Amino acid sequence: MDASQIYIIISLVILVIIALFVFFISKNKKEKKLSTLAGLSFAFILAGILFSDDRLIGYSLIGIGVLLAIIDIILKSKKK
């Protein structure tokens, strides 16, 4: 493994730890859960990071994830 792969693995482990803290250790039950679209966006971004060896696929997946996140933000802002 080269250095870039080690950094990617470390960053993914840190993201999983943060997700565990946010979702399972959170004491306040009034907090809103992630919407389906936001969760899907998060999954696409993680997949883009995992497939970063092939730049076309990696950047495409990250772009799809960002686009889904923007759509989710727009939909939530219209509901208010």
N, C-alpha and C. Protein backbone atom coordinates (compact mmCIF):
# COMPACT_ATOMS: atom_id res chain seq x y z
N MET A 1 0.84 -1.18 0.00
CA MET A 1 0.00 0.00 0.00
C MET A 1 0.88 1.24 0.00
N ASP A 2 0.52 2.17 -0.81
CA ASP A 2 1.27 3.41 -0.81
C ASP A 2 0.60 4.43 0.13
N ALA A 3 1.21 5.56 0.24
CA ALA A 3 0.77 6.56 1.23
C ALA A 3 -0.64 7.07 0.97
N SER A 4 -1.01 7.25 -0.28
CA SER A 4 -2.34 7.79 -0.57
C SER A 4 -3.44 6.80 -0.17
N GLN A 5 -3.22 5.52 -0.35
CA GLN A 5 -4.20 4.52 0.06
C GLN A 5 -4.33 4.47 1.58
N ILE A 6 -3.24 4.65 2.28
CA ILE A 6 -3.27 4.67 3.74
C ILE A 6 -4.06 5.88 4.23
N TYR A 7 -3.87 7.04 3.61
CA TYR A 7 -4.62 8.23 3.99
C TYR A 7 -6.11 8.04 3.74
N ILE A 8 -6.46 7.41 2.64
CA ILE A 8 -7.87 7.16 2.34
C ILE A 8 -8.49 6.23 3.38
N ILE A 9 -7.79 5.19 3.74
CA ILE A 9 -8.30 4.25 4.74
C ILE A 9 -8.46 4.94 6.09
N ILE A 10 -7.48 5.74 6.48
CA ILE A 10 -7.56 6.47 7.75
C ILE A 10 -8.74 7.44 7.74
N SER A 11 -8.94 8.14 6.64
CA SER A 11 -10.05 9.10 6.58
C SER A 11 -11.40 8.38 6.62
N LEU A 12 -11.51 7.22 5.99
CA LEU A 12 -12.75 6.46 6.04
C LEU A 12 -13.04 5.94 7.45
N VAL A 13 -12.01 5.50 8.14
CA VAL A 13 -12.18 5.03 9.52
C VAL A 13 -12.64 6.19 10.41
N ILE A 14 -12.06 7.35 10.23
CA ILE A 14 -12.47 8.52 11.01
C ILE A 14 -13.91 8.91 10.70
N LEU A 15 -14.31 8.85 9.42
CA LEU A 15 -15.70 9.14 9.06
C LEU A 15 -16.68 8.16 9.69
N VAL A 16 -16.29 6.88 9.74
CA VAL A 16 -17.16 5.88 10.36
C VAL A 16 -17.28 6.14 11.86
N ILE A 17 -16.20 6.50 12.52
CA ILE A 17 -16.24 6.80 13.94
C ILE A 17 -17.12 8.02 14.21
N ILE A 18 -16.99 9.05 13.40
CA ILE A 18 -17.83 10.24 13.57
C ILE A 18 -19.30 9.88 13.35
N ALA A 19 -19.58 9.06 12.33
CA ALA A 19 -20.96 8.65 12.07
C ALA A 19 -21.53 7.87 13.25
N LEU A 20 -20.72 7.02 13.86
CA LEU A 20 -21.17 6.27 15.04
C LEU A 20 -21.50 7.22 16.19
N PHE A 21 -20.65 8.21 16.40
CA PHE A 21 -20.92 9.19 17.45
C PHE A 21 -22.21 9.96 17.19
N VAL A 22 -22.39 10.37 15.96
CA VAL A 22 -23.57 11.18 15.63
C VAL A 22 -24.84 10.37 15.72
N PHE A 23 -24.85 9.15 15.21
CA PHE A 23 -26.09 8.39 15.11
C PHE A 23 -26.42 7.59 16.36
N PHE A 24 -25.44 7.05 17.04
CA PHE A 24 -25.74 6.14 18.14
C PHE A 24 -25.52 6.73 19.53
N ILE A 25 -24.66 7.69 19.67
CA ILE A 25 -24.36 8.23 20.98
C ILE A 25 -25.13 9.53 21.24
N SER A 26 -25.79 10.03 20.24
CA SER A 26 -26.55 11.26 20.37
C SER A 26 -27.65 11.10 21.42
N LYS A 27 -27.68 11.97 22.41
CA LYS A 27 -28.65 11.91 23.50
C LYS A 27 -29.97 12.59 23.14
N ASN A 28 -29.90 13.59 22.29
CA ASN A 28 -31.08 14.37 21.95
C ASN A 28 -31.86 13.65 20.85
N LYS A 29 -33.04 13.16 21.17
CA LYS A 29 -33.85 12.41 20.21
C LYS A 29 -34.64 13.33 19.29
N LYS A 30 -34.69 14.64 19.56
CA LYS A 30 -35.42 15.57 18.72
C LYS A 30 -34.68 15.89 17.43
N GLU A 31 -33.42 15.53 17.33
CA GLU A 31 -32.66 15.84 16.14
C GLU A 31 -33.24 15.10 14.94
N LYS A 32 -33.22 15.75 13.82
CA LYS A 32 -33.75 15.14 12.60
C LYS A 32 -32.76 14.11 12.07
N LYS A 33 -33.30 13.05 11.58
CA LYS A 33 -32.48 12.01 10.96
C LYS A 33 -32.13 12.43 9.54
N LEU A 34 -31.14 11.74 8.98
CA LEU A 34 -30.77 11.99 7.59
C LEU A 34 -31.92 11.57 6.68
N SER A 35 -32.19 12.38 5.69
CA SER A 35 -33.20 11.99 4.71
C SER A 35 -32.61 10.91 3.82
N THR A 36 -33.49 10.24 3.10
CA THR A 36 -33.05 9.17 2.20
C THR A 36 -32.12 9.72 1.13
N LEU A 37 -32.45 10.89 0.62
CA LEU A 37 -31.62 11.50 -0.42
C LEU A 37 -30.25 11.90 0.11
N ALA A 38 -30.20 12.40 1.34
CA ALA A 38 -28.92 12.77 1.93
C ALA A 38 -28.06 11.53 2.21
N GLY A 39 -28.69 10.45 2.65
CA GLY A 39 -27.96 9.21 2.88
C GLY A 39 -27.41 8.63 1.59
N LEU A 40 -28.21 8.71 0.54
CA LEU A 40 -27.76 8.25 -0.77
C LEU A 40 -26.60 9.11 -1.28
N SER A 41 -26.69 10.40 -1.04
CA SER A 41 -25.62 11.31 -1.43
C SER A 41 -24.32 10.97 -0.70
N PHE A 42 -24.44 10.70 0.59
CA PHE A 42 -23.27 10.33 1.39
C PHE A 42 -22.65 9.04 0.86
N ALA A 43 -23.50 8.08 0.49
CA ALA A 43 -22.99 6.81 -0.04
C ALA A 43 -22.26 7.00 -1.36
N PHE A 44 -22.79 7.87 -2.24
CA PHE A 44 -22.11 8.13 -3.52
C PHE A 44 -20.76 8.80 -3.30
N ILE A 45 -20.70 9.72 -2.35
CA ILE A 45 -19.43 10.39 -2.09
C ILE A 45 -18.40 9.41 -1.54
N LEU A 46 -18.82 8.54 -0.62
CA LEU A 46 -17.90 7.52 -0.09
C LEU A 46 -17.46 6.56 -1.19
N ALA A 47 -18.37 6.18 -2.07
CA ALA A 47 -18.00 5.30 -3.18
C ALA A 47 -17.01 6.00 -4.11
N GLY A 48 -17.20 7.29 -4.31
CA GLY A 48 -16.25 8.05 -5.12
C GLY A 48 -14.86 8.08 -4.52
N ILE A 49 -14.81 8.16 -3.19
CA ILE A 49 -13.51 8.12 -2.51
C ILE A 49 -12.88 6.74 -2.64
N LEU A 50 -13.70 5.71 -2.50
CA LEU A 50 -13.18 4.35 -2.60
C LEU A 50 -12.67 4.02 -4.00
N PHE A 51 -13.35 4.53 -5.03
CA PHE A 51 -12.95 4.26 -6.40
C PHE A 51 -12.09 5.39 -6.97
N SER A 52 -11.29 5.99 -6.13
CA SER A 52 -10.47 7.12 -6.56
C SER A 52 -9.30 6.70 -7.45
N ASP A 53 -9.03 5.41 -7.55
CA ASP A 53 -7.94 4.96 -8.43
C ASP A 53 -8.24 5.29 -9.89
N ASP A 54 -9.49 5.11 -10.29
CA ASP A 54 -9.93 5.49 -11.63
C ASP A 54 -10.60 6.86 -11.51
N ARG A 55 -9.93 7.88 -11.95
CA ARG A 55 -10.41 9.25 -11.72
C ARG A 55 -11.78 9.52 -12.33
N LEU A 56 -12.05 8.99 -13.49
CA LEU A 56 -13.33 9.24 -14.15
C LEU A 56 -14.49 8.70 -13.29
N ILE A 57 -14.35 7.49 -12.80
CA ILE A 57 -15.41 6.89 -11.98
C ILE A 57 -15.48 7.59 -10.63
N GLY A 58 -14.33 7.83 -10.00
CA GLY A 58 -14.31 8.47 -8.68
C GLY A 58 -14.92 9.85 -8.69
N TYR A 59 -14.50 10.68 -9.62
CA TYR A 59 -15.04 12.04 -9.69
C TYR A 59 -16.51 12.04 -10.10
N SER A 60 -16.90 11.11 -10.96
CA SER A 60 -18.31 11.02 -11.35
C SER A 60 -19.18 10.68 -10.16
N LEU A 61 -18.75 9.72 -9.34
CA LEU A 61 -19.53 9.35 -8.16
C LEU A 61 -19.60 10.49 -7.15
N ILE A 62 -18.50 11.18 -6.96
CA ILE A 62 -18.51 12.32 -6.04
C ILE A 62 -19.41 13.42 -6.58
N GLY A 63 -19.37 13.66 -7.89
CA GLY A 63 -20.25 14.66 -8.50
C GLY A 63 -21.72 14.32 -8.35
N ILE A 64 -22.06 13.04 -8.52
CA ILE A 64 -23.45 12.61 -8.33
C ILE A 64 -23.86 12.83 -6.88
N GLY A 65 -22.96 12.51 -5.95
CA GLY A 65 -23.27 12.71 -4.53
C GLY A 65 -23.50 14.16 -4.18
N VAL A 66 -22.68 15.04 -4.71
CA VAL A 66 -22.84 16.47 -4.45
C VAL A 66 -24.14 16.98 -5.08
N LEU A 67 -24.45 16.51 -6.29
CA LEU A 67 -25.69 16.91 -6.95
C LEU A 67 -26.91 16.46 -6.14
N LEU A 68 -26.89 15.24 -5.64
CA LEU A 68 -28.00 14.76 -4.80
C LEU A 68 -28.12 15.57 -3.51
N ALA A 69 -26.99 15.95 -2.93
CA ALA A 69 -27.03 16.77 -1.72
C ALA A 69 -27.64 18.14 -2.00
N ILE A 70 -27.30 18.73 -3.13
CA ILE A 70 -27.87 20.03 -3.50
C ILE A 70 -29.38 19.91 -3.73
N ILE A 71 -29.80 18.83 -4.39
CA ILE A 71 -31.23 18.61 -4.61
C ILE A 71 -31.95 18.46 -3.28
N ASP A 72 -31.34 17.73 -2.35
CA ASP A 72 -31.94 17.56 -1.01
C ASP A 72 -32.05 18.89 -0.29
N ILE A 73 -31.05 19.73 -0.39
CA ILE A 73 -31.09 21.05 0.25
C ILE A 73 -32.21 21.90 -0.35
N ILE A 74 -32.34 21.86 -1.66
CA ILE A 74 -33.39 22.65 -2.32
C ILE A 74 -34.77 22.15 -1.90
N LEU A 75 -34.96 20.84 -1.87
CA LEU A 75 -36.25 20.28 -1.48
C LEU A 75 -36.60 20.62 -0.03
N LYS A 76 -35.62 20.57 0.86
CA LYS A 76 -35.87 20.92 2.26
C LYS A 76 -36.16 22.40 2.44
N SER A 77 -35.52 23.25 1.63
CA SER A 77 -35.77 24.68 1.76
C SER A 77 -37.17 25.05 1.26
N LYS A 78 -37.70 24.31 0.29
CA LYS A 78 -39.04 24.58 -0.22
C LYS A 78 -40.12 24.13 0.76
N LYS A 79 -39.81 23.15 1.62
CA LYS A 79 -40.79 22.67 2.59
C LYS A 79 -41.04 23.66 3.72
N LYS A 80 -40.09 24.53 3.98
CA LYS A 80 -40.22 25.47 5.10
C LYS A 80 -41.15 26.57 4.81
